[in-house]
Amino acid sequence: MKSNLLFTIAAAAALTACGSSQQKTSPTTSTETTGAPAPPDFTVVFDTSKGNFTIEVHRLWAPMGADRFYHLVQAKFFDDVRFFRVVPNFIVQFGISGDPATARSWKSRNLMDDPVKQSNTRGTVTYATAGPGTRTTQIFINLADNANLDQQGFAPFAKVVDGMSVIDHLYPGYGETPDQGRIEAEGNTYLKSNFERLDFIRTARISQ
């Protein structure tokens, strides 16, 4: 199995996700590692190789997840990050830094879980996980209504409010082939050499 981050899409079928091996560490609240809480609501504009899309974050939905995301965006973490996993009619996944040193620095910063307050409907934005207390930086956008993920603890913290058509057209041809362990270890060097058609984020900025 490439990864220990799993999405179960049916009782009889487990779908392998995020190909990184996460360290088992004691999860923390977001403010323990990233500073002050995020605003109650804020928007982030993603400039990508396919065009722009905008997400609206609601801290009330998932406070710790929203705080982590706010500080990742402030740190420009998502700049030059690839959409490395595109599964049509399911999810688009991203959030492994293209810089190996940055990826390493976040690998063990596990985040405590938020209760699930919103369903994983189309366009909602949620952290990938390997189980309780293992959220770090990997995020997925639901391409369909995936309510089956709700009972598994996947807590949406935001929703795409503009540009969903851009997300629908991200390149899906590599499926789940990119190895997440190698992305962490080699960064964009690995992805550019082997998966040159992957779409990517140019910048992600909080909208003023």
C-alpha atoms as a PDB file:
ATOM      1  CA  MET A   1       0.000   0.000   0.000  1.00  0.00           C
ATOM      2  CA  LYS A   2       1.452   3.364  -0.985  1.00  0.00           C
ATOM      3  CA  SER A   3      -0.040   5.339   1.856  1.00  0.00           C
ATOM      4  CA  ASN A   4      -1.561   5.143   5.254  1.00  0.00           C
ATOM      5  CA  LEU A   5      -4.052   7.904   4.500  1.00  0.00           C
ATOM      6  CA  LEU A   6      -7.283   6.214   3.569  1.00  0.00           C
ATOM      7  CA  PHE A   7     -10.717   7.154   2.373  1.00  0.00           C
ATOM      8  CA  THR A   8     -13.318   4.385   2.681  1.00  0.00           C
ATOM      9  CA  ILE A   9     -15.916   4.865  -0.023  1.00  0.00           C
ATOM     10  CA  ALA A  10     -17.937   1.743   0.741  1.00  0.00           C
ATOM     11  CA  ALA A  11     -17.909  -1.025   3.289  1.00  0.00           C
ATOM     12  CA  ALA A  12     -16.319  -3.360   0.762  1.00  0.00           C
ATOM     13  CA  ALA A  13     -13.948  -0.932  -0.925  1.00  0.00           C
ATOM     14  CA  ALA A  14     -11.127   1.137   0.549  1.00  0.00           C
ATOM     15  CA  LEU A  15      -9.535   3.789  -1.626  1.00  0.00           C
ATOM     16  CA  THR A  16      -5.857   4.478  -1.005  1.00  0.00           C
ATOM     17  CA  ALA A  17      -5.048   8.159  -0.628  1.00  0.00           C
ATOM     18  CA  CYS A  18      -2.244  10.495   0.336  1.00  0.00           C
ATOM     19  CA  GLY A  19       0.970   8.645  -0.166  1.00  0.00           C
ATOM     20  CA  SER A  20       2.926   9.826   2.843  1.00  0.00           C
ATOM     21  CA  SER A  21       3.843   7.941   5.963  1.00  0.00           C
ATOM     22  CA  GLN A  22       2.808  10.075   8.881  1.00  0.00           C
ATOM     23  CA  GLN A  23       4.589   9.995  12.202  1.00  0.00           C
ATOM     24  CA  LYS A  24       2.451   9.115  15.175  1.00  0.00           C
ATOM     25  CA  THR A  25       2.780  12.101  17.458  1.00  0.00           C
ATOM     26  CA  SER A  26       0.504  13.632  20.047  1.00  0.00           C
ATOM     27  CA  PRO A  27      -1.874  15.892  18.125  1.00  0.00           C
ATOM     28  CA  THR A  28      -2.046  19.528  19.089  1.00  0.00           C
ATOM     29  CA  THR A  29      -4.557  22.291  18.819  1.00  0.00           C
ATOM     30  CA  SER A  30      -3.811  24.660  15.963  1.00  0.00           C
ATOM     31  CA  THR A  31      -2.928  27.616  18.171  1.00  0.00           C
ATOM     32  CA  GLU A  32      -0.244  25.592  19.950  1.00  0.00           C
ATOM     33  CA  THR A  33       1.823  25.542  16.778  1.00  0.00           C
ATOM     34  CA  THR A  34       0.533  28.280  14.511  1.00  0.00           C
ATOM     35  CA  GLY A  35      -0.328  31.342  16.609  1.00  0.00           C
ATOM     36  CA  ALA A  36      -3.556  33.303  16.919  1.00  0.00           C
ATOM     37  CA  PRO A  37      -6.917  31.973  15.726  1.00  0.00           C
ATOM     38  CA  ALA A  38      -8.142  32.703  12.220  1.00  0.00           C
ATOM     39  CA  PRO A  39     -10.930  35.211  11.568  1.00  0.00           C
ATOM     40  CA  PRO A  40     -14.465  33.814  11.889  1.00  0.00           C
ATOM     41  CA  ASP A  41     -14.832  33.835   8.076  1.00  0.00           C
ATOM     42  CA  PHE A  42     -12.344  34.564   5.315  1.00  0.00           C
ATOM     43  CA  THR A  43     -11.818  33.839   1.640  1.00  0.00           C
ATOM     44  CA  VAL A  44      -8.754  32.547  -0.179  1.00  0.00           C
ATOM     45  CA  VAL A  45      -8.123  32.959  -3.906  1.00  0.00           C
ATOM     46  CA  PHE A  46      -6.140  30.205  -5.611  1.00  0.00           C
ATOM     47  CA  ASP A  47      -4.364  31.118  -8.838  1.00  0.00           C
ATOM     48  CA  THR A  48      -3.733  27.830 -10.641  1.00  0.00           C
ATOM     49  CA  SER A  49      -2.459  26.544 -13.970  1.00  0.00           C
ATOM     50  CA  LYS A  50      -6.109  26.096 -15.031  1.00  0.00           C
ATOM     51  CA  GLY A  51      -7.441  29.410 -13.723  1.00  0.00           C
ATOM     52  CA  ASN A  52      -8.641  30.851 -10.440  1.00  0.00           C
ATOM     53  CA  PHE A  53     -10.979  29.499  -7.813  1.00  0.00           C
ATOM     54  CA  THR A  54     -12.047  30.912  -4.467  1.00  0.00           C
ATOM     55  CA  ILE A  55     -12.883  29.166  -1.234  1.00  0.00           C
ATOM     56  CA  GLU A  56     -14.693  30.601   1.751  1.00  0.00           C
ATOM     57  CA  VAL A  57     -13.573  29.364   5.162  1.00  0.00           C
ATOM     58  CA  HIS A  58     -15.933  29.218   8.137  1.00  0.00           C
ATOM     59  CA  ARG A  59     -14.130  28.804  11.437  1.00  0.00           C
ATOM     60  CA  LEU A  60     -17.354  27.721  13.137  1.00  0.00           C
ATOM     61  CA  TRP A  61     -17.426  24.609  10.941  1.00  0.00           C
ATOM     62  CA  ALA A  62     -14.023  23.303  12.071  1.00  0.00           C
ATOM     63  CA  PRO A  63     -12.021  25.761  14.229  1.00  0.00           C
ATOM     64  CA  MET A  64      -8.727  23.892  14.401  1.00  0.00           C
ATOM     65  CA  GLY A  65      -8.745  23.042  10.721  1.00  0.00           C
ATOM     66  CA  ALA A  66      -9.568  26.643   9.793  1.00  0.00           C
ATOM     67  CA  ASP A  67      -6.781  27.979  12.000  1.00  0.00           C
ATOM     68  CA  ARG A  68      -4.225  25.630  10.465  1.00  0.00           C
ATOM     69  CA  PHE A  69      -5.306  26.530   6.942  1.00  0.00           C
ATOM     70  CA  TYR A  70      -5.207  30.274   7.682  1.00  0.00           C
ATOM     71  CA  HIS A  71      -1.631  30.102   8.860  1.00  0.00           C
ATOM     72  CA  LEU A  72      -0.559  27.814   6.011  1.00  0.00           C
ATOM     73  CA  VAL A  73      -1.885  30.364   3.520  1.00  0.00           C
ATOM     74  CA  GLN A  74      -0.199  33.219   5.385  1.00  0.00           C
ATOM     75  CA  ALA A  75       3.077  31.291   5.166  1.00  0.00           C
ATOM     76  CA  LYS A  76       2.569  30.823   1.382  1.00  0.00           C
ATOM     77  CA  PHE A  77       2.712  27.075   1.934  1.00  0.00           C
ATOM     78  CA  PHE A  78       0.513  26.262  -1.060  1.00  0.00           C
ATOM     79  CA  ASP A  79       2.526  28.227  -3.632  1.00  0.00           C
ATOM     80  CA  ASP A  80       3.798  25.919  -6.411  1.00  0.00           C
ATOM     81  CA  VAL A  81       1.993  22.914  -4.900  1.00  0.00           C
ATOM     82  CA  ARG A  82       0.644  20.219  -7.263  1.00  0.00           C
ATOM     83  CA  PHE A  83      -2.818  18.661  -7.360  1.00  0.00           C
ATOM     84  CA  PHE A  84      -1.260  15.230  -7.118  1.00  0.00           C
ATOM     85  CA  ARG A  85      -4.412  13.130  -6.769  1.00  0.00           C
ATOM     86  CA  VAL A  86      -7.438  13.705  -8.997  1.00  0.00           C
ATOM     87  CA  VAL A  87     -10.208  11.098  -8.859  1.00  0.00           C
ATOM     88  CA  PRO A  88     -13.156  12.119 -11.074  1.00  0.00           C
ATOM     89  CA  ASN A  89     -16.527  12.162  -9.320  1.00  0.00           C
ATOM     90  CA  PHE A  90     -14.781  11.827  -5.955  1.00  0.00           C
ATOM     91  CA  ILE A  91     -12.023  14.224  -4.849  1.00  0.00           C
ATOM     92  CA  VAL A  92      -9.082  16.437  -5.807  1.00  0.00           C
ATOM     93  CA  GLN A  93      -6.220  16.292  -3.324  1.00  0.00           C
ATOM     94  CA  PHE A  94      -3.231  18.556  -2.650  1.00  0.00           C
ATOM     95  CA  GLY A  95      -1.178  19.921   0.228  1.00  0.00           C
ATOM     96  CA  ILE A  96       2.279  18.312   0.098  1.00  0.00           C
ATOM     97  CA  SER A  97       4.851  21.064  -0.245  1.00  0.00           C
ATOM     98  CA  GLY A  98       6.984  21.023  -3.371  1.00  0.00           C
ATOM     99  CA  ASP A  99       9.971  21.818  -1.161  1.00  0.00           C
ATOM    100  CA  PRO A 100      11.137  18.724   0.773  1.00  0.00           C
ATOM    101  CA  ALA A 101      12.459  20.755   3.710  1.00  0.00           C
ATOM    102  CA  THR A 102       9.078  22.427   4.146  1.00  0.00           C
ATOM    103  CA  ALA A 103       7.275  19.097   3.838  1.00  0.00           C
ATOM    104  CA  ARG A 104       9.504  17.635   6.564  1.00  0.00           C
ATOM    105  CA  SER A 105       8.902  20.576   8.863  1.00  0.00           C
ATOM    106  CA  TRP A 106       5.136  19.949   8.829  1.00  0.00           C
ATOM    107  CA  LYS A 107       5.093  16.166   8.722  1.00  0.00           C
ATOM    108  CA  SER A 108       4.817  15.604  12.454  1.00  0.00           C
ATOM    109  CA  ARG A 109       2.609  18.601  13.286  1.00  0.00           C
ATOM    110  CA  ASN A 110      -0.504  16.518  13.729  1.00  0.00           C
ATOM    111  CA  LEU A 111      -3.683  18.400  14.491  1.00  0.00           C
ATOM    112  CA  MET A 112      -6.478  17.401  16.837  1.00  0.00           C
ATOM    113  CA  ASP A 113      -9.743  16.473  15.157  1.00  0.00           C
ATOM    114  CA  ASP A 114     -12.703  18.795  14.763  1.00  0.00           C
ATOM    115  CA  PRO A 115     -16.220  17.384  15.155  1.00  0.00           C
ATOM    116  CA  VAL A 116     -17.992  16.965  11.830  1.00  0.00           C
ATOM    117  CA  LYS A 117     -20.544  19.787  11.605  1.00  0.00           C
ATOM    118  CA  GLN A 118     -20.977  19.967   7.819  1.00  0.00           C
ATOM    119  CA  SER A 119     -21.458  17.219   5.279  1.00  0.00           C
ATOM    120  CA  ASN A 120     -18.857  16.481   2.581  1.00  0.00           C
ATOM    121  CA  THR A 121     -21.003  17.834  -0.208  1.00  0.00           C
ATOM    122  CA  ARG A 122     -19.679  18.833  -3.618  1.00  0.00           C
ATOM    123  CA  GLY A 123     -17.289  21.768  -3.321  1.00  0.00           C
ATOM    124  CA  THR A 124     -16.536  21.419   0.378  1.00  0.00           C
ATOM    125  CA  VAL A 125     -12.903  21.447   1.494  1.00  0.00           C
ATOM    126  CA  THR A 126     -11.618  18.949   4.056  1.00  0.00           C
ATOM    127  CA  TYR A 127      -8.348  17.613   5.474  1.00  0.00           C
ATOM    128  CA  ALA A 128      -7.096  14.181   4.488  1.00  0.00           C
ATOM    129  CA  THR A 129      -6.374  11.917   7.429  1.00  0.00           C
ATOM    130  CA  ALA A 130      -4.803   8.605   8.380  1.00  0.00           C
ATOM    131  CA  GLY A 131      -7.098   8.221  11.355  1.00  0.00           C
ATOM    132  CA  PRO A 132      -7.834  10.173  14.529  1.00  0.00           C
ATOM    133  CA  GLY A 133      -5.436  13.010  15.290  1.00  0.00           C
ATOM    134  CA  THR A 134      -3.413  12.793  12.057  1.00  0.00           C
ATOM    135  CA  ARG A 135      -4.395  15.882  10.075  1.00  0.00           C
ATOM    136  CA  THR A 136      -1.433  17.975   8.941  1.00  0.00           C
ATOM    137  CA  THR A 137      -1.433  19.852   5.588  1.00  0.00           C
ATOM    138  CA  GLN A 138      -3.082  17.578   3.019  1.00  0.00           C
ATOM    139  CA  ILE A 139      -6.472  18.767   1.837  1.00  0.00           C
ATOM    140  CA  PHE A 140      -9.096  17.549  -0.591  1.00  0.00           C
ATOM    141  CA  ILE A 141     -11.984  19.174  -2.414  1.00  0.00           C
ATOM    142  CA  ASN A 142     -15.079  17.052  -2.887  1.00  0.00           C
ATOM    143  CA  LEU A 143     -16.041  16.696  -6.546  1.00  0.00           C
ATOM    144  CA  ALA A 144     -19.320  14.998  -5.620  1.00  0.00           C
ATOM    145  CA  ASP A 145     -21.573  14.605  -2.621  1.00  0.00           C
ATOM    146  CA  ASN A 146     -19.492  12.285  -0.425  1.00  0.00           C
ATOM    147  CA  ALA A 147     -21.686  12.077   2.659  1.00  0.00           C
ATOM    148  CA  ASN A 148     -20.240   8.641   3.394  1.00  0.00           C
ATOM    149  CA  LEU A 149     -17.085  10.441   4.598  1.00  0.00           C
ATOM    150  CA  ASP A 150     -18.968  12.298   7.330  1.00  0.00           C
ATOM    151  CA  GLN A 151     -19.263   9.366   9.721  1.00  0.00           C
ATOM    152  CA  GLN A 152     -15.556   8.633   9.260  1.00  0.00           C
ATOM    153  CA  GLY A 153     -14.578  11.932  10.850  1.00  0.00           C
ATOM    154  CA  PHE A 154     -13.758  14.048   7.780  1.00  0.00           C
ATOM    155  CA  ALA A 155     -14.757  17.554   8.876  1.00  0.00           C
ATOM    156  CA  PRO A 156     -15.181  20.199   6.123  1.00  0.00           C
ATOM    157  CA  PHE A 157     -13.891  23.636   7.063  1.00  0.00           C
ATOM    158  CA  ALA A 158     -14.567  25.555   3.837  1.00  0.00           C
ATOM    159  CA  LYS A 159     -16.413  25.541   0.538  1.00  0.00           C
ATOM    160  CA  VAL A 160     -15.586  26.577  -3.013  1.00  0.00           C
ATOM    161  CA  VAL A 161     -17.688  29.651  -3.786  1.00  0.00           C
ATOM    162  CA  ASP A 162     -16.299  30.503  -7.217  1.00  0.00           C
ATOM    163  CA  GLY A 163     -14.424  28.599  -9.915  1.00  0.00           C
ATOM    164  CA  MET A 164     -15.646  25.049  -9.298  1.00  0.00           C
ATOM    165  CA  SER A 165     -15.435  24.544 -13.067  1.00  0.00           C
ATOM    166  CA  VAL A 166     -11.674  25.119 -12.798  1.00  0.00           C
ATOM    167  CA  ILE A 167     -11.393  22.323 -10.249  1.00  0.00           C
ATOM    168  CA  ASP A 168     -13.534  20.047 -12.413  1.00  0.00           C
ATOM    169  CA  HIS A 169     -10.984  20.420 -15.238  1.00  0.00           C
ATOM    170  CA  LEU A 170      -7.777  19.704 -13.308  1.00  0.00           C
ATOM    171  CA  TYR A 171      -5.757  17.038 -15.118  1.00  0.00           C
ATOM    172  CA  PRO A 172      -6.927  13.563 -13.985  1.00  0.00           C
ATOM    173  CA  GLY A 173      -4.751  11.366 -16.178  1.00  0.00           C
ATOM    174  CA  TYR A 174      -2.316  10.170 -13.520  1.00  0.00           C
ATOM    175  CA  GLY A 175      -5.019   9.011 -11.127  1.00  0.00           C
ATOM    176  CA  GLU A 176      -3.408   7.833  -7.909  1.00  0.00           C
ATOM    177  CA  THR A 177      -0.020   7.029  -9.448  1.00  0.00           C
ATOM    178  CA  PRO A 178       2.136   9.782  -7.856  1.00  0.00           C
ATOM    179  CA  ASP A 179       3.866   8.341  -4.797  1.00  0.00           C
ATOM    180  CA  GLN A 180       3.314  10.619  -1.861  1.00  0.00           C
ATOM    181  CA  GLY A 181       6.369   9.398  -0.008  1.00  0.00           C
ATOM    182  CA  ARG A 182       8.490  10.462  -2.955  1.00  0.00           C
ATOM    183  CA  ILE A 183       6.689  13.803  -3.188  1.00  0.00           C
ATOM    184  CA  GLU A 184       7.630  14.446   0.429  1.00  0.00           C
ATOM    185  CA  ALA A 185      11.217  13.316  -0.089  1.00  0.00           C
ATOM    186  CA  GLU A 186      11.908  14.828  -3.519  1.00  0.00           C
ATOM    187  CA  GLY A 187       9.277  17.518  -3.920  1.00  0.00           C
ATOM    188  CA  ASN A 188       8.494  19.072  -7.275  1.00  0.00           C
ATOM    189  CA  THR A 189      11.666  17.641  -8.803  1.00  0.00           C
ATOM    190  CA  TYR A 190      10.017  14.211  -8.704  1.00  0.00           C
ATOM    191  CA  LEU A 191       6.653  15.473  -9.941  1.00  0.00           C
ATOM    192  CA  LYS A 192       8.017  17.588 -12.787  1.00  0.00           C
ATOM    193  CA  SER A 193      10.172  14.700 -14.023  1.00  0.00           C
ATOM    194  CA  ASN A 194       7.455  12.063 -13.919  1.00  0.00           C
ATOM    195  CA  PHE A 195       4.084  13.825 -13.999  1.00  0.00           C
ATOM    196  CA  GLU A 196       4.625  16.951 -16.032  1.00  0.00           C
ATOM    197  CA  ARG A 197       0.938  17.404 -16.856  1.00  0.00           C
ATOM    198  CA  LEU A 198      -0.177  17.785 -13.241  1.00  0.00           C
ATOM    199  CA  ASP A 199      -1.933  21.058 -12.619  1.00  0.00           C
ATOM    200  CA  PHE A 200      -0.603  23.232  -9.831  1.00  0.00           C
ATOM    201  CA  ILE A 201      -1.235  26.208  -7.595  1.00  0.00           C
ATOM    202  CA  ARG A 202       0.707  29.332  -8.493  1.00  0.00           C
ATOM    203  CA  THR A 203      -0.361  31.273  -5.417  1.00  0.00           C
ATOM    204  CA  ALA A 204      -2.981  31.094  -2.656  1.00  0.00           C
ATOM    205  CA  ARG A 205      -3.770  34.390  -0.956  1.00  0.00           C
ATOM    206  CA  ILE A 206      -6.287  35.622   1.580  1.00  0.00           C
ATOM    207  CA  SER A 207      -8.648  37.990  -0.188  1.00  0.00           C
ATOM    208  CA  GLN A 208      -8.627  41.570   1.087  1.00  0.00           C
END
